[in-house]
Each structure stands twice: as C-alpha cells, then as structure tokens.
Protein backbone atom coordinates (compact mmCIF):
# COMPACT_ATOMS: atom_id res chain seq x y z
CA MET A 1 -0.26 8.35 39.52
CA VAL A 2 2.53 7.66 37.00
CA ARG A 3 0.39 5.00 35.37
CA ARG A 4 -2.48 7.46 34.98
CA VAL A 5 -0.20 10.04 33.39
CA VAL A 6 1.15 7.47 30.92
CA HIS A 7 -2.38 6.36 30.07
CA PHE A 8 -3.51 9.97 29.58
CA ALA A 9 -0.50 10.64 27.30
CA ALA A 10 -1.42 7.63 25.19
CA VAL A 11 -4.98 8.89 24.84
CA LEU A 12 -3.71 12.29 23.75
CA LEU A 13 -1.48 10.63 21.18
CA LEU A 14 -4.44 8.79 19.71
CA LEU A 15 -6.55 11.93 19.65
CA GLY A 16 -3.68 13.83 18.05
CA ALA A 17 -3.59 11.27 15.27
CA GLY A 18 -7.00 12.53 14.22
CA TYR A 19 -7.38 9.28 12.35
CA PHE A 20 -10.36 7.16 11.50
CA VAL A 21 -11.14 4.51 8.93
CA TRP A 22 -14.17 3.34 7.02
CA THR A 23 -14.74 -0.14 5.72
CA GLN A 24 -13.92 -0.33 2.05
CA PRO A 25 -17.01 0.33 -0.11
CA GLU A 26 -16.13 -2.53 -2.45
CA ASN A 27 -17.36 -5.91 -1.24
CA LEU A 28 -15.71 -7.81 -4.07
CA PRO A 29 -12.53 -5.92 -4.94
CA PHE A 30 -11.70 -7.88 -8.07
CA GLN A 31 -13.77 -8.75 -11.09
CA VAL A 32 -13.12 -12.09 -12.71
CA PRO A 33 -13.08 -12.41 -16.51
CA TRP A 34 -14.81 -15.78 -16.84
CA THR A 35 -18.18 -16.84 -15.49
CA THR A 36 -17.90 -20.62 -15.77
CA GLN A 37 -15.27 -23.27 -15.37
CA ALA A 38 -15.13 -23.74 -19.11
CA ALA A 39 -12.12 -22.76 -21.19
CA PRO A 40 -12.10 -19.15 -22.48
CA PRO A 41 -14.51 -18.72 -25.41
CA GLU A 42 -13.34 -18.36 -28.97
CA PRO A 43 -13.55 -14.87 -30.52
CA GLU A 44 -16.42 -15.75 -32.85
CA THR A 45 -18.60 -16.94 -29.95
CA ALA A 46 -17.98 -14.02 -27.62
CA PRO A 47 -16.33 -11.10 -29.39
CA SER A 48 -16.81 -8.74 -26.44
CA SER A 49 -15.38 -11.06 -23.80
CA PRO A 50 -12.11 -9.95 -22.19
CA ALA A 51 -10.91 -13.54 -22.48
CA ALA A 52 -11.74 -13.84 -26.18
CA THR A 53 -8.22 -13.17 -27.39
CA VAL A 54 -6.49 -15.47 -24.93
CA PRO A 55 -5.07 -18.54 -26.73
CA SER A 56 -5.54 -21.97 -25.22
CA GLY A 57 -3.66 -25.24 -25.39
CA PRO A 58 -4.47 -28.15 -27.72
CA LEU A 59 -7.08 -29.50 -25.29
CA GLY A 60 -8.70 -26.11 -24.76
CA GLU A 61 -6.92 -25.42 -21.48
CA LEU A 62 -5.44 -22.04 -20.66
CA THR A 63 -1.66 -22.37 -20.77
CA ASP A 64 0.61 -20.69 -18.25
CA ALA A 65 2.13 -18.54 -20.99
CA ALA A 66 -1.31 -17.44 -22.20
CA LEU A 67 -2.39 -16.61 -18.66
CA ARG A 68 0.74 -14.51 -18.10
CA THR A 69 0.05 -12.67 -21.35
CA PHE A 70 -3.53 -11.97 -20.33
CA VAL A 71 -2.51 -10.81 -16.84
CA ALA A 72 0.09 -8.46 -18.30
CA ARG A 73 -2.68 -6.65 -20.20
CA GLN A 74 -4.38 -5.63 -16.97
CA PRO A 75 -3.32 -2.08 -15.98
CA ILE A 76 -3.15 -3.07 -12.30
CA SER A 77 -0.74 -5.96 -12.92
CA ILE A 78 2.88 -5.82 -11.80
CA GLN A 79 3.97 -6.35 -15.42
CA ALA A 80 1.96 -3.35 -16.63
CA LEU A 81 3.16 -1.17 -13.75
CA ARG A 82 6.77 -2.10 -14.50
CA ALA A 83 6.31 -1.07 -18.12
CA ARG A 84 5.50 2.52 -17.12
CA GLU A 85 7.87 5.34 -16.23
CA TYR A 86 7.84 7.23 -12.95
CA PRO A 87 9.80 10.46 -13.38
CA GLY A 88 8.31 12.30 -10.41
CA SER A 89 9.27 15.97 -10.17
CA ALA A 90 10.86 18.50 -7.88
CA LEU A 91 8.80 18.99 -4.72
CA GLN A 92 7.12 22.41 -4.82
CA VAL A 93 6.30 24.08 -1.51
CA VAL A 94 2.64 25.09 -1.32
CA ARG A 95 2.37 26.06 2.34
CA THR A 96 4.64 26.00 5.37
CA LEU A 97 3.03 24.64 8.54
CA ASN A 98 3.96 24.89 12.19
CA PRO A 99 7.08 22.79 12.76
CA GLY A 100 7.34 19.66 14.86
CA SER A 101 9.67 19.28 17.79
CA ASN A 102 12.75 18.75 15.62
CA TYR A 103 11.50 18.88 12.04
CA SER A 104 9.78 21.15 9.52
CA ARG A 105 6.33 20.50 8.03
CA GLN A 106 5.18 21.67 4.61
CA VAL A 107 2.39 20.97 2.19
CA VAL A 108 4.11 20.31 -1.13
CA SER A 109 3.10 19.18 -4.59
CA TYR A 110 4.62 16.92 -7.23
CA ARG A 111 3.64 15.60 -10.66
CA SER A 112 2.19 12.16 -11.35
CA ASP A 113 0.71 11.14 -14.70
CA GLY A 114 0.57 14.84 -15.54
CA LEU A 115 -1.52 15.50 -12.43
CA LYS A 116 -0.68 17.86 -9.58
CA ILE A 117 -0.59 15.75 -6.43
CA PHE A 118 -0.39 17.31 -2.98
CA ALA A 119 1.46 15.78 -0.03
CA LEU A 120 2.63 16.44 3.51
CA LEU A 121 6.43 16.62 3.75
CA THR A 122 8.48 16.52 6.95
CA VAL A 123 12.24 17.17 7.00
CA PRO A 124 14.51 16.81 10.05
CA SER A 125 16.04 20.02 11.38
CA GLY A 126 19.78 20.63 11.06
CA THR A 127 22.40 19.59 8.54
CA PRO A 128 21.67 16.35 6.65
CA PRO A 129 24.13 13.50 7.18
CA GLN A 130 26.55 12.66 4.39
CA GLY A 131 24.51 11.40 1.47
CA GLY A 132 21.26 12.86 2.81
CA TRP A 133 18.49 11.85 5.21
CA PRO A 134 16.81 8.45 4.99
CA ALA A 135 13.22 8.83 3.77
CA ILE A 136 9.89 7.04 4.08
CA VAL A 137 7.06 7.18 1.55
CA PHE A 138 4.01 7.26 3.83
CA ASN A 139 0.90 5.59 2.36
CA HIS A 140 -2.40 6.15 4.15
CA GLY A 141 -5.37 3.81 4.21
CA TYR A 142 -8.80 4.31 2.72
CA ILE A 143 -10.53 7.55 3.66
CA PRO A 144 -13.49 8.79 1.55
CA PRO A 145 -11.81 11.15 -0.93
CA ASP A 146 -14.41 13.89 -0.51
CA VAL A 147 -13.65 14.24 3.23
CA TYR A 148 -9.89 13.65 3.07
CA ARG A 149 -7.67 16.54 4.18
CA THR A 150 -3.87 16.67 3.98
CA THR A 151 -3.22 17.58 7.61
CA GLU A 152 -6.09 15.86 9.41
CA ARG A 153 -5.09 12.18 9.38
CA TYR A 154 -2.11 10.12 10.57
CA VAL A 155 -0.58 13.04 12.46
CA ALA A 156 0.86 10.96 15.32
CA TYR A 157 1.98 8.20 12.96
CA GLN A 158 3.96 10.48 10.67
CA ASP A 159 5.30 12.44 13.65
CA ALA A 160 6.94 9.34 15.11
CA PHE A 161 9.12 8.83 12.04
CA ALA A 162 9.79 12.54 11.57
CA ARG A 163 11.05 12.91 15.16
CA ALA A 164 13.29 9.86 14.63
CA GLY A 165 15.23 11.60 11.84
CA PHE A 166 13.46 10.44 8.68
CA VAL A 167 12.15 12.58 5.86
CA THR A 168 8.52 11.54 5.33
CA LEU A 169 6.18 12.23 2.43
CA LYS A 170 2.46 11.38 2.76
CA SER A 171 0.68 11.70 -0.58
CA ASP A 172 -2.89 12.82 -1.13
CA TYR A 173 -3.64 10.28 -3.84
CA ARG A 174 -5.31 11.58 -6.97
CA GLY A 175 -8.81 12.85 -6.29
CA HIS A 176 -8.05 13.30 -2.56
CA GLY A 177 -8.07 16.75 -1.00
CA ASP A 178 -6.81 19.23 -3.58
CA SER A 179 -5.00 16.66 -5.73
CA GLU A 180 -6.02 16.59 -9.37
CA GLY A 181 -7.49 13.52 -11.07
CA GLN A 182 -10.19 11.02 -10.22
CA ALA A 183 -10.20 8.77 -7.18
CA ARG A 184 -10.82 5.35 -8.69
CA GLY A 185 -9.82 3.20 -5.74
CA GLY A 186 -6.67 1.34 -4.82
CA TYR A 187 -7.47 -2.19 -5.94
CA ASN A 188 -8.86 -2.20 -9.48
CA ASP A 189 -7.08 0.88 -10.80
CA PRO A 190 -3.32 1.62 -10.94
CA GLY A 191 -3.63 5.36 -10.25
CA TYR A 192 -2.86 5.41 -6.53
CA THR A 193 0.12 3.09 -7.02
CA VAL A 194 1.41 5.37 -9.77
CA ASP A 195 1.13 8.31 -7.37
CA VAL A 196 3.11 6.42 -4.73
CA LEU A 197 5.86 5.53 -7.21
CA ASN A 198 6.07 9.14 -8.41
CA ALA A 199 6.24 10.28 -4.78
CA ALA A 200 9.26 8.01 -4.32
CA ALA A 201 10.80 9.34 -7.55
CA SER A 202 10.27 12.91 -6.34
CA LEU A 203 12.02 12.17 -3.05
CA LYS A 204 14.96 10.74 -4.99
CA LYS A 205 15.33 14.12 -6.72
CA ASP A 206 15.48 16.04 -3.45
CA PRO A 207 19.10 16.87 -2.50
CA ARG A 208 18.28 16.49 1.21
CA VAL A 209 17.33 12.82 0.70
CA ASN A 210 19.58 9.80 0.34
CA ARG A 211 17.99 7.95 -2.59
CA GLY A 212 19.72 4.77 -1.47
CA ARG A 213 17.86 4.83 1.86
CA LEU A 214 14.16 4.86 0.89
CA GLY A 215 11.46 2.81 2.58
CA LEU A 216 7.67 2.57 2.65
CA TRP A 217 5.12 2.64 5.46
CA GLY A 218 1.56 1.65 4.62
CA HIS A 219 -1.66 1.14 6.54
CA SER A 220 -4.64 -0.88 5.30
CA MET A 221 -5.08 0.01 1.60
CA GLY A 222 -1.71 1.75 1.87
CA GLY A 223 -0.20 -1.65 2.64
CA GLN A 224 -1.38 -2.93 -0.73
CA LEU A 225 -0.01 0.17 -2.48
CA SER A 226 3.32 -0.16 -0.66
CA LEU A 227 3.70 -3.81 -1.64
CA ARG A 228 3.01 -3.07 -5.30
CA ALA A 229 5.40 -0.12 -5.29
CA MET A 230 8.18 -2.19 -3.73
CA LEU A 231 7.79 -4.87 -6.40
CA VAL A 232 7.94 -2.27 -9.17
CA ASP A 233 10.85 -0.15 -7.86
CA PRO A 234 13.86 -2.20 -6.68
CA GLU A 235 15.39 0.94 -5.08
CA LEU A 236 12.77 0.85 -2.32
CA LYS A 237 14.64 -0.98 0.41
CA ALA A 238 12.09 -2.00 3.06
CA ALA A 239 8.43 -1.72 4.03
CA SER A 240 6.48 -1.69 7.28
CA LEU A 241 2.84 -2.66 6.68
CA TRP A 242 0.12 -2.16 9.27
CA ALA A 243 -3.14 -4.12 8.89
CA GLY A 244 -2.37 -4.30 5.19
CA VAL A 245 -4.73 -5.58 2.53
CA VAL A 246 -1.99 -7.93 1.42
CA ALA A 247 -3.56 -11.36 1.03
CA SER A 248 -3.49 -12.80 -2.47
CA TYR A 249 -6.21 -11.47 -4.79
CA ASP A 250 -8.07 -14.79 -4.89
CA ILE A 251 -8.46 -14.61 -1.11
CA LEU A 252 -9.51 -10.96 -1.19
CA ALA A 253 -12.19 -11.81 -3.75
CA THR A 254 -13.81 -14.43 -1.52
CA ASP A 255 -13.01 -13.54 2.08
CA TRP A 256 -13.18 -9.76 2.30
CA ASN A 257 -16.44 -8.14 3.44
CA PRO A 258 -18.83 -10.79 2.09
CA PRO A 259 -22.39 -9.43 1.81
CA PRO A 260 -24.38 -9.96 5.05
CA GLY A 261 -26.55 -13.05 4.92
CA ASP A 262 -25.14 -14.20 1.61
CA GLN A 263 -22.96 -17.19 1.04
CA ARG A 264 -19.25 -16.63 0.75
CA PRO A 265 -18.35 -16.01 -2.92
CA GLU A 266 -16.75 -18.96 -4.65
CA LEU A 267 -14.20 -19.07 -7.42
CA ASP A 268 -13.83 -21.79 -10.00
CA PRO A 269 -10.27 -23.06 -10.58
CA LEU A 270 -9.69 -20.93 -13.69
CA ASN A 271 -10.64 -17.63 -12.07
CA ARG A 272 -8.76 -18.50 -8.89
CA ARG A 273 -5.71 -19.19 -11.01
CA TYR A 274 -6.14 -15.88 -12.81
CA LEU A 275 -6.51 -13.81 -9.62
CA ARG A 276 -3.56 -15.55 -8.05
CA ALA A 277 -1.43 -14.68 -11.11
CA LEU A 278 -2.67 -11.07 -11.07
CA SER A 279 -1.80 -10.62 -7.38
CA PRO A 280 1.46 -8.96 -6.31
CA ASN A 281 1.92 -12.03 -4.12
CA ALA A 282 2.85 -13.99 -7.26
CA TYR A 283 6.01 -11.85 -7.55
CA LEU A 284 7.33 -11.89 -3.99
CA GLN A 285 10.54 -13.58 -5.08
CA ASP A 286 11.39 -10.28 -6.80
CA LEU A 287 11.83 -8.67 -3.39
CA ASP A 288 15.28 -10.26 -3.54
CA GLY A 289 15.62 -10.26 0.22
CA ARG A 290 14.38 -6.73 0.87
CA PRO A 291 12.66 -7.01 4.26
CA ILE A 292 8.99 -6.63 5.13
CA GLN A 293 7.62 -5.91 8.60
CA LEU A 294 3.99 -6.75 9.40
CA HIS A 295 1.71 -5.52 12.22
CA GLN A 296 -1.93 -6.44 12.83
CA GLY A 297 -4.43 -6.82 15.64
CA THR A 298 -6.39 -10.03 15.96
CA ASP A 299 -9.70 -8.15 16.47
CA ASP A 300 -9.36 -6.06 13.31
CA GLU A 301 -12.92 -5.65 12.02
CA ASP A 302 -11.91 -3.99 8.73
CA VAL A 303 -9.15 -6.25 7.44
CA PRO A 304 -9.25 -9.86 8.66
CA TYR A 305 -6.21 -10.94 10.65
CA ARG A 306 -6.09 -13.96 8.37
CA PHE A 307 -4.77 -11.68 5.62
CA GLN A 308 -1.52 -11.10 7.51
CA LYS A 309 -1.15 -14.83 8.12
CA ASP A 310 -1.75 -15.64 4.43
CA PHE A 311 0.74 -12.99 3.34
CA ALA A 312 3.32 -14.30 5.80
CA ALA A 313 2.83 -17.79 4.34
CA ASP A 314 3.38 -16.41 0.83
CA LEU A 315 6.56 -14.61 1.94
CA ARG A 316 7.79 -17.77 3.61
CA ALA A 317 7.10 -19.83 0.48
CA ALA A 318 8.99 -17.25 -1.62
CA ARG A 319 11.92 -17.42 0.86
CA GLN A 320 11.74 -13.71 1.64
CA ARG A 321 12.71 -11.89 4.83
CA PHE A 322 9.90 -10.71 7.08
CA THR A 323 8.91 -10.13 10.68
CA ALA A 324 5.25 -10.38 11.70
CA TYR A 325 3.80 -8.91 14.89
CA ARG A 326 0.47 -10.10 16.28
CA TYR A 327 -1.44 -7.86 18.70
CA PRO A 328 -4.05 -9.94 20.56
CA GLY A 329 -7.40 -8.17 20.89
CA ASP A 330 -6.28 -5.02 19.10
CA ASN A 331 -8.17 -3.23 16.34
CA HIS A 332 -7.49 -1.97 12.81
CA ASN A 333 -5.59 1.09 14.04
CA LEU A 334 -3.61 -0.79 16.72
CA SER A 335 -5.05 1.66 19.24
CA GLY A 336 -4.06 -0.49 22.20
CA ASN A 337 -0.47 -0.91 21.06
CA LEU A 338 0.17 2.26 19.07
CA ARG A 339 3.34 3.32 20.87
CA LEU A 340 4.82 -0.18 20.76
CA ALA A 341 4.06 -0.63 17.06
CA LEU A 342 5.49 2.78 16.19
CA ASP A 343 8.65 2.06 18.17
CA ARG A 344 9.05 -1.25 16.38
CA SER A 345 8.58 0.38 12.98
CA VAL A 346 11.07 3.16 13.74
CA ALA A 347 13.64 0.60 14.94
CA PHE A 348 13.03 -1.45 11.77
CA PHE A 349 13.75 1.47 9.47
CA ARG A 350 16.79 2.54 11.49
CA GLU A 351 18.20 -0.95 10.97
CA GLN A 352 17.18 -1.45 7.35
CA LEU A 353 17.75 2.02 5.90
C-alpha cells in the first residue's frame, strides 16, 4: 500500500510539472564557413565568403591566431559574448500568483538588449539570511515559442528549488510567451544567452538576493545556455545541467539528429577545427574550478547520452570539477528518476552556493 502511494505521488509530481519537449527543429545546428578542405580563399576570388578576410600562414594554412580572430567575429562566440555588457534591470512585478508551500510566486519582467523579457520568480517566505537568499537562474529547454507559456512548464522542477530556500528566476527567452523580440534559437544566435546573462544581472540587483551565491540550472538547450553564461560571467558559481546539449560544436554538427536514411554528416579538418574553437568547450579552463553537475538518462531520444560523456571528457581534460550522474534506461526528462535527480541538484546547490 505504501509503495502504491509513493508511486502515485511520483506520477502526480510528473503531471504537475506540465512539461514536455520537442526534438530540436535544426538537424545541423552549426553552419560551417568553408566547403572544402582547401585553405580559405583570397578576397579577390571569393569576395562574399565569410572566410575571405581571414589571413593564412606562409604555406596557405590557417594559423591559430587567424582562427581565433575569425571565431571572435561570430556573435555566438564566447569572445563576442564577453565583449558585451549585461546591465539587467530591476525586476518589475507583472502579476502575483498563488504562493507555494513556503515561497511566493510572481510573473516579473526585466530588460535585456532593450527588450522586455518576462520571467517566473519565486522567493522564499520569511526574512532573508544575512547577505540575502542564494539564487538560481533557471534555464528551460526548447519549447516551440508560439506555444510557450510562463506558468505551464517546469512547475515541479522549479518548485523543488523554491521549497529548498532558493530564489529562482525562469526566463521566457525573447520571442517566448509575452517577451519582446524574435526567437532565433539557442545555438546559432546569442539572444537567448544574452537574456540569461541579463536575468542573472537583474537578480544581482535585487536586495533579497546574495549576488555572491548565484548558480544556474539548465535542461537540454538550457544546458547549453547555462554553460555559455557561466563562461561569460565569473560571478556565477555553479551549474547543474540536465540532459544538456553540451558536447563540443563539432560533435553537435555531425552526431545530432542526422537526417533519416542519410549518411552521417562529415567535417573536413579545417571546419572541425573551426567548430571546436567556436564551442564553449574550448574555454572550460576559464571555469577556474567552479563546479558542474551533470544528469542524463541513457535512453534519451532527444539528446544522445554520448553528449554528456563527451562533455565530461572535455571537463576532465581541462582539469575542472564535475560530477556526472548516469540514469540507466531513463529518458530526456529523467521521468523515472525525477525525485532523485532533483534531490541531488538541491544538495549540490546547498553545498556550492
């Protein structure tokens, strides 16, 4: 009888999450600038080529310095994101919702790139501790922007951290719900990452929040956004990534959702080198020991489990701190281990923040 009650409670928790995910619409998330293995063309032979202004070495090879320069020109690159400013704004209350068991819930807005971005804010009840509450920037996975609603997804996920005494802020990325701007995707365009970084900046301005105790939680596409944000903002202390799209870009370009019946896409050495340099994974040493926690099910049909293993290998090579959890037979949402994964994430943030 007790076992049935526990099972029924778990089902209710999953239903309460109100969460679902679609496979990403992009089969090849990253475009490559060169179409052959040859060195980048000279300007007079291909004036419209994105590689035309990239200098080469004396033998026509692309030097490391030239590649870094070219990568830095890409708006999605870590270099370009670091060159921007993220002022955020005061959080403006739009609507007060029914409270949780020990926390308030409000739809709020903040500014990002001049856009009004909406978000779901939770704040623990009672007097904040000295210095303010620890806070988590909550980054959801891909949901078609035209059906996204602020309060309809990730309810149980956000609730777990809110009940544990964390302020949480889940952004409606630009073009989602009532947020202004265009939804251009999380992989080729910097907009969603900019919104995440401005969400973090807005939390830092809130007097109830301890700006020295900020972390990130990200699922699927939100894992990619969280990783980028952490590499741009050194004040973000830790991240828990669930089924994150966090393999290096060269692997994403060849191993993610290949077209049915077609051969796996191949990359020549030059384009593989470029995508590797463009990837956030090329900058993992800049975590400077800030910890990462990873969770993924082995039967994830949306994001291959291999991506977590590749990311763990990159973290290990960069000598960075991480813990990786493997859930045999579980899916993209960790439906079979939801309570366990949430408990592990809450314990992680309690320790690291």
